[in-house]
Structure formats: C-alpha cells, structure tokens
Amino acid sequence: MSDTAGNAATEVIRTVTVADTTAPVITLLGGGTQEVEPQKSLP
C-alpha cells in the first residue's frame, strides 16, 4: 500500500481488547419480593 506520492506504508497489526468493568444495574419494578414454587405459574 502506498500514498499518492508513492511512499510505501509499513504494515502494522494491532490487537485491541475492550474490557467491560461496569457492573449492570438491575431495577425491580412493582412490589417487593415474590416467591414462586417449582412447577407453578408466575402470578
């Protein structure tokens, strides 16, 4: 690869790692605690 003046470009390979360090925020809407027994329908 070269520019318009014919100068050759030096090939460079870079690896970028993005680390998500922000914990998710979970907001419950409605009433407080709900308990659901196994094999039962949700209210």
N, C-alpha and C. Protein backbone atom coordinates (compact mmCIF):
# COMPACT_ATOMS: atom_id res chain seq x y z
N MET A 1 0.85 -1.16 0.00
CA MET A 1 0.00 0.00 0.00
C MET A 1 0.90 1.22 0.00
N SER A 2 0.46 2.27 -0.70
CA SER A 2 1.25 3.50 -0.74
C SER A 2 0.33 4.70 -0.82
N ASP A 3 0.92 5.88 -0.55
CA ASP A 3 0.13 7.10 -0.64
C ASP A 3 0.21 7.67 -2.05
N THR A 4 -0.37 8.85 -2.27
CA THR A 4 -0.40 9.42 -3.62
C THR A 4 0.97 9.83 -4.13
N ALA A 5 1.96 9.99 -3.22
CA ALA A 5 3.32 10.33 -3.62
C ALA A 5 4.16 9.09 -3.89
N GLY A 6 3.57 7.89 -3.72
CA GLY A 6 4.30 6.65 -3.96
C GLY A 6 5.07 6.14 -2.76
N ASN A 7 4.92 6.76 -1.61
CA ASN A 7 5.61 6.31 -0.40
C ASN A 7 4.93 5.04 0.12
N ALA A 8 5.74 4.01 0.34
CA ALA A 8 5.20 2.74 0.82
C ALA A 8 4.83 2.86 2.30
N ALA A 9 3.77 2.17 2.66
CA ALA A 9 3.33 2.16 4.05
C ALA A 9 3.90 0.93 4.74
N THR A 10 4.23 1.09 6.01
CA THR A 10 4.69 -0.03 6.82
C THR A 10 3.47 -0.71 7.42
N GLU A 11 3.37 -2.04 7.23
CA GLU A 11 2.22 -2.77 7.76
C GLU A 11 2.34 -2.88 9.27
N VAL A 12 1.25 -2.58 9.95
CA VAL A 12 1.19 -2.66 11.41
C VAL A 12 -0.08 -3.41 11.77
N ILE A 13 0.05 -4.36 12.68
CA ILE A 13 -1.11 -5.11 13.18
C ILE A 13 -1.24 -4.81 14.66
N ARG A 14 -2.43 -4.39 15.05
CA ARG A 14 -2.68 -4.08 16.46
C ARG A 14 -3.88 -4.88 16.93
N THR A 15 -3.82 -5.33 18.17
CA THR A 15 -4.95 -6.02 18.79
C THR A 15 -5.49 -5.12 19.90
N VAL A 16 -6.79 -4.87 19.85
CA VAL A 16 -7.44 -4.03 20.86
C VAL A 16 -8.40 -4.90 21.65
N THR A 17 -8.23 -4.92 22.96
CA THR A 17 -9.11 -5.68 23.84
C THR A 17 -9.94 -4.69 24.66
N VAL A 18 -11.26 -4.82 24.57
CA VAL A 18 -12.15 -3.94 25.33
C VAL A 18 -12.67 -4.73 26.52
N ALA A 19 -12.41 -4.24 27.72
CA ALA A 19 -12.86 -4.92 28.94
C ALA A 19 -13.97 -4.09 29.58
N ASP A 20 -15.14 -4.69 29.71
CA ASP A 20 -16.27 -4.02 30.35
C ASP A 20 -16.14 -4.23 31.86
N THR A 21 -15.86 -3.15 32.57
CA THR A 21 -15.66 -3.25 34.02
C THR A 21 -16.82 -2.66 34.81
N THR A 22 -17.87 -2.23 34.11
CA THR A 22 -19.03 -1.64 34.77
C THR A 22 -20.08 -2.72 35.01
N ALA A 23 -20.42 -2.94 36.26
CA ALA A 23 -21.44 -3.95 36.58
C ALA A 23 -22.81 -3.46 36.14
N PRO A 24 -23.69 -4.38 35.73
CA PRO A 24 -25.04 -3.96 35.33
C PRO A 24 -25.85 -3.52 36.55
N VAL A 25 -26.83 -2.66 36.30
CA VAL A 25 -27.74 -2.21 37.34
C VAL A 25 -29.10 -2.83 37.05
N ILE A 26 -29.62 -3.59 38.01
CA ILE A 26 -30.92 -4.25 37.85
C ILE A 26 -31.91 -3.53 38.75
N THR A 27 -33.00 -3.05 38.15
CA THR A 27 -34.03 -2.33 38.89
C THR A 27 -35.32 -3.13 38.83
N LEU A 28 -35.87 -3.46 39.99
CA LEU A 28 -37.13 -4.19 40.05
C LEU A 28 -38.28 -3.19 40.14
N LEU A 29 -39.27 -3.36 39.29
CA LEU A 29 -40.45 -2.50 39.31
C LEU A 29 -41.58 -3.26 39.98
N GLY A 30 -42.44 -2.56 40.68
CA GLY A 30 -43.58 -3.21 41.31
C GLY A 30 -43.30 -3.50 42.76
N GLY A 31 -43.99 -4.55 43.26
CA GLY A 31 -43.88 -4.92 44.67
C GLY A 31 -42.51 -5.44 45.02
N GLY A 32 -42.37 -5.77 46.29
CA GLY A 32 -41.09 -6.26 46.79
C GLY A 32 -40.79 -7.67 46.32
N THR A 33 -40.72 -8.60 47.26
CA THR A 33 -40.33 -9.97 46.97
C THR A 33 -41.52 -10.80 46.51
N GLN A 34 -41.28 -11.65 45.51
CA GLN A 34 -42.29 -12.61 45.08
C GLN A 34 -41.65 -13.99 45.14
N GLU A 35 -42.37 -14.94 45.69
CA GLU A 35 -41.88 -16.31 45.74
C GLU A 35 -42.70 -17.16 44.80
N VAL A 36 -42.03 -17.97 44.00
CA VAL A 36 -42.70 -18.86 43.05
C VAL A 36 -42.21 -20.27 43.33
N GLU A 37 -43.14 -21.17 43.57
CA GLU A 37 -42.78 -22.56 43.83
C GLU A 37 -42.46 -23.26 42.51
N PRO A 38 -41.58 -24.26 42.55
CA PRO A 38 -41.26 -25.01 41.33
C PRO A 38 -42.52 -25.61 40.72
N GLN A 39 -42.58 -25.61 39.40
CA GLN A 39 -43.68 -26.18 38.62
C GLN A 39 -44.98 -25.39 38.75
N LYS A 40 -44.93 -24.17 39.26
CA LYS A 40 -46.13 -23.33 39.40
C LYS A 40 -46.05 -22.19 38.39
N SER A 41 -47.20 -21.63 38.03
CA SER A 41 -47.25 -20.50 37.11
C SER A 41 -46.85 -19.21 37.82
N LEU A 42 -46.31 -18.29 37.05
CA LEU A 42 -45.99 -16.98 37.61
C LEU A 42 -47.27 -16.19 37.82
N PRO A 43 -47.30 -15.32 38.83
CA PRO A 43 -48.51 -14.51 39.08
C PRO A 43 -48.72 -13.48 37.98
